[in-house]
């Protein structure tokens, strides 16, 4: 029986543009992807999304539960491990990203 891992992805869409990031610390290095990551054992998908945004922005930008809307969820085989399935929940984030967060980065 395959193992499963829950993961989240957070979509920021503004003016018809989707924010994506280049992965550098996973089996998908140098692949463009949504901000997101794994759900810890003691947290919900929403809590994981909030934590991942805080971790990946590194600049004080934070979101709250009310900023997130679940869009869809799917299950697929992990690219890094054929014995692992991931269950991914995608959220749409309504909070706008202040351009000042990106200055001097």
C-alpha atoms as a PDB file:
ATOM      1  CA  UNK A   1       0.000   0.000   0.000  1.00  0.00           C
ATOM      2  CA  UNK A   2       1.301   3.459  -0.966  1.00  0.00           C
ATOM      3  CA  UNK A   3       2.037   6.124   1.634  1.00  0.00           C
ATOM      4  CA  UNK A   4       0.251   9.455   1.306  1.00  0.00           C
ATOM      5  CA  UNK A   5       1.331  12.973   2.176  1.00  0.00           C
ATOM      6  CA  UNK A   6      -0.836  16.078   2.283  1.00  0.00           C
ATOM      7  CA  UNK A   7       0.525  19.204   0.595  1.00  0.00           C
ATOM      8  CA  UNK A   8      -0.802  22.674  -0.161  1.00  0.00           C
ATOM      9  CA  UNK A   9      -0.352  25.195  -2.938  1.00  0.00           C
ATOM     10  CA  UNK A  10      -1.308  28.847  -2.677  1.00  0.00           C
ATOM     11  CA  UNK A  11      -2.254  30.813  -5.799  1.00  0.00           C
ATOM     12  CA  UNK A  12      -1.844  34.583  -5.823  1.00  0.00           C
ATOM     13  CA  UNK A  13      -3.512  36.063  -8.917  1.00  0.00           C
ATOM     14  CA  UNK A  14      -3.434  39.771  -9.655  1.00  0.00           C
ATOM     15  CA  UNK A  15      -4.259  41.547 -12.910  1.00  0.00           C
ATOM     16  CA  UNK A  16      -4.483  38.187 -14.668  1.00  0.00           C
ATOM     17  CA  UNK A  17      -0.994  37.140 -13.540  1.00  0.00           C
ATOM     18  CA  UNK A  18      -0.216  34.095 -11.404  1.00  0.00           C
ATOM     19  CA  UNK A  19       2.674  34.286  -8.948  1.00  0.00           C
ATOM     20  CA  UNK A  20       4.955  31.255  -9.262  1.00  0.00           C
ATOM     21  CA  UNK A  21       8.343  30.500  -7.755  1.00  0.00           C
ATOM     22  CA  UNK A  22      11.309  28.440  -8.865  1.00  0.00           C
ATOM     23  CA  UNK A  23      11.811  25.413  -6.628  1.00  0.00           C
ATOM     24  CA  UNK A  24      15.333  24.995  -5.251  1.00  0.00           C
ATOM     25  CA  UNK A  25      15.024  22.576  -2.328  1.00  0.00           C
ATOM     26  CA  UNK A  26      13.077  19.583  -3.601  1.00  0.00           C
ATOM     27  CA  UNK A  27      13.113  16.828  -6.155  1.00  0.00           C
ATOM     28  CA  UNK A  28      11.546  19.385  -8.486  1.00  0.00           C
ATOM     29  CA  UNK A  29      14.535  21.767  -8.332  1.00  0.00           C
ATOM     30  CA  UNK A  30      14.514  24.386 -11.071  1.00  0.00           C
ATOM     31  CA  UNK A  31      10.830  23.754 -11.768  1.00  0.00           C
ATOM     32  CA  UNK A  32       8.323  26.607 -11.580  1.00  0.00           C
ATOM     33  CA  UNK A  33       5.586  25.972  -9.032  1.00  0.00           C
ATOM     34  CA  UNK A  34       3.102  27.578  -6.656  1.00  0.00           C
ATOM     35  CA  UNK A  35       4.133  28.689  -3.203  1.00  0.00           C
ATOM     36  CA  UNK A  36       3.393  25.795  -0.868  1.00  0.00           C
ATOM     37  CA  UNK A  37       4.644  22.622   0.722  1.00  0.00           C
ATOM     38  CA  UNK A  38       3.894  19.775   3.075  1.00  0.00           C
ATOM     39  CA  UNK A  39       1.274  19.695   5.804  1.00  0.00           C
ATOM     40  CA  UNK A  40       2.774  18.899   9.211  1.00  0.00           C
ATOM     41  CA  UNK A  41       1.184  16.155  11.363  1.00  0.00           C
ATOM     42  CA  UNK A  42      -0.246  18.646  13.852  1.00  0.00           C
ATOM     43  CA  UNK A  43      -1.742  21.184  11.438  1.00  0.00           C
ATOM     44  CA  UNK A  44      -4.645  21.619   9.037  1.00  0.00           C
ATOM     45  CA  UNK A  45      -4.258  22.440   5.353  1.00  0.00           C
ATOM     46  CA  UNK A  46      -5.163  26.079   6.101  1.00  0.00           C
ATOM     47  CA  UNK A  47      -2.550  26.287   8.870  1.00  0.00           C
ATOM     48  CA  UNK A  48       0.024  24.770   6.505  1.00  0.00           C
ATOM     49  CA  UNK A  49      -0.808  27.327   3.799  1.00  0.00           C
ATOM     50  CA  UNK A  50      -0.378  30.209   6.257  1.00  0.00           C
ATOM     51  CA  UNK A  51       2.949  28.788   7.512  1.00  0.00           C
ATOM     52  CA  UNK A  52       4.293  28.092   4.005  1.00  0.00           C
ATOM     53  CA  UNK A  53       3.570  31.655   2.835  1.00  0.00           C
ATOM     54  CA  UNK A  54       5.367  33.055   5.882  1.00  0.00           C
ATOM     55  CA  UNK A  55       8.342  30.719   5.335  1.00  0.00           C
ATOM     56  CA  UNK A  56       8.665  31.266   1.607  1.00  0.00           C
ATOM     57  CA  UNK A  57       8.278  35.042   1.520  1.00  0.00           C
ATOM     58  CA  UNK A  58      10.974  35.649   4.204  1.00  0.00           C
ATOM     59  CA  UNK A  59       9.999  39.299   4.538  1.00  0.00           C
ATOM     60  CA  UNK A  60       7.156  39.703   7.019  1.00  0.00           C
ATOM     61  CA  UNK A  61       4.327  39.175   4.517  1.00  0.00           C
ATOM     62  CA  UNK A  62       1.660  37.049   6.201  1.00  0.00           C
ATOM     63  CA  UNK A  63      -1.825  35.835   5.372  1.00  0.00           C
ATOM     64  CA  UNK A  64      -4.801  34.837   7.500  1.00  0.00           C
ATOM     65  CA  UNK A  65      -7.431  32.127   7.187  1.00  0.00           C
ATOM     66  CA  UNK A  66      -9.964  34.610   5.814  1.00  0.00           C
ATOM     67  CA  UNK A  67      -7.567  35.394   2.935  1.00  0.00           C
ATOM     68  CA  UNK A  68      -7.764  31.788   1.684  1.00  0.00           C
ATOM     69  CA  UNK A  69     -10.397  30.069  -0.430  1.00  0.00           C
ATOM     70  CA  UNK A  70     -10.005  26.360  -1.222  1.00  0.00           C
ATOM     71  CA  UNK A  71     -10.267  25.899  -4.982  1.00  0.00           C
ATOM     72  CA  UNK A  72      -9.683  22.182  -5.571  1.00  0.00           C
ATOM     73  CA  UNK A  73      -7.955  19.093  -4.256  1.00  0.00           C
ATOM     74  CA  UNK A  74      -6.340  16.226  -6.174  1.00  0.00           C
ATOM     75  CA  UNK A  75      -4.288  13.105  -5.611  1.00  0.00           C
ATOM     76  CA  UNK A  76      -1.291  12.045  -7.705  1.00  0.00           C
ATOM     77  CA  UNK A  77       1.914  10.046  -7.475  1.00  0.00           C
ATOM     78  CA  UNK A  78       4.834  12.032  -6.079  1.00  0.00           C
ATOM     79  CA  UNK A  79       7.470  12.862  -8.681  1.00  0.00           C
ATOM     80  CA  UNK A  80      10.199  12.139  -6.135  1.00  0.00           C
ATOM     81  CA  UNK A  81       8.947   8.759  -4.870  1.00  0.00           C
ATOM     82  CA  UNK A  82       6.864   6.186  -6.791  1.00  0.00           C
ATOM     83  CA  UNK A  83       5.751   4.689  -3.459  1.00  0.00           C
ATOM     84  CA  UNK A  84       4.186   7.986  -2.321  1.00  0.00           C
ATOM     85  CA  UNK A  85       0.941   9.681  -3.296  1.00  0.00           C
ATOM     86  CA  UNK A  86       0.391  13.341  -2.566  1.00  0.00           C
ATOM     87  CA  UNK A  87      -2.993  14.848  -1.789  1.00  0.00           C
ATOM     88  CA  UNK A  88      -2.755  18.489  -2.811  1.00  0.00           C
ATOM     89  CA  UNK A  89      -5.151  21.224  -1.779  1.00  0.00           C
ATOM     90  CA  UNK A  90      -4.938  24.417  -3.829  1.00  0.00           C
ATOM     91  CA  UNK A  91      -6.008  27.698  -2.239  1.00  0.00           C
ATOM     92  CA  UNK A  92      -6.666  31.045  -3.890  1.00  0.00           C
ATOM     93  CA  UNK A  93      -5.322  33.881  -1.732  1.00  0.00           C
ATOM     94  CA  UNK A  94      -7.224  37.168  -1.862  1.00  0.00           C
ATOM     95  CA  UNK A  95      -4.588  39.227  -0.023  1.00  0.00           C
ATOM     96  CA  UNK A  96      -2.680  41.480  -2.369  1.00  0.00           C
ATOM     97  CA  UNK A  97       1.102  41.455  -2.227  1.00  0.00           C
ATOM     98  CA  UNK A  98       2.510  44.905  -1.541  1.00  0.00           C
ATOM     99  CA  UNK A  99       5.300  45.581  -4.037  1.00  0.00           C
ATOM    100  CA  UNK A 100       7.349  47.066  -1.165  1.00  0.00           C
ATOM    101  CA  UNK A 101       7.877  43.511   0.088  1.00  0.00           C
ATOM    102  CA  UNK A 102      10.038  42.875  -2.968  1.00  0.00           C
ATOM    103  CA  UNK A 103      12.313  45.910  -2.816  1.00  0.00           C
ATOM    104  CA  UNK A 104      15.951  45.277  -1.943  1.00  0.00           C
ATOM    105  CA  UNK A 105      15.457  41.498  -2.182  1.00  0.00           C
END
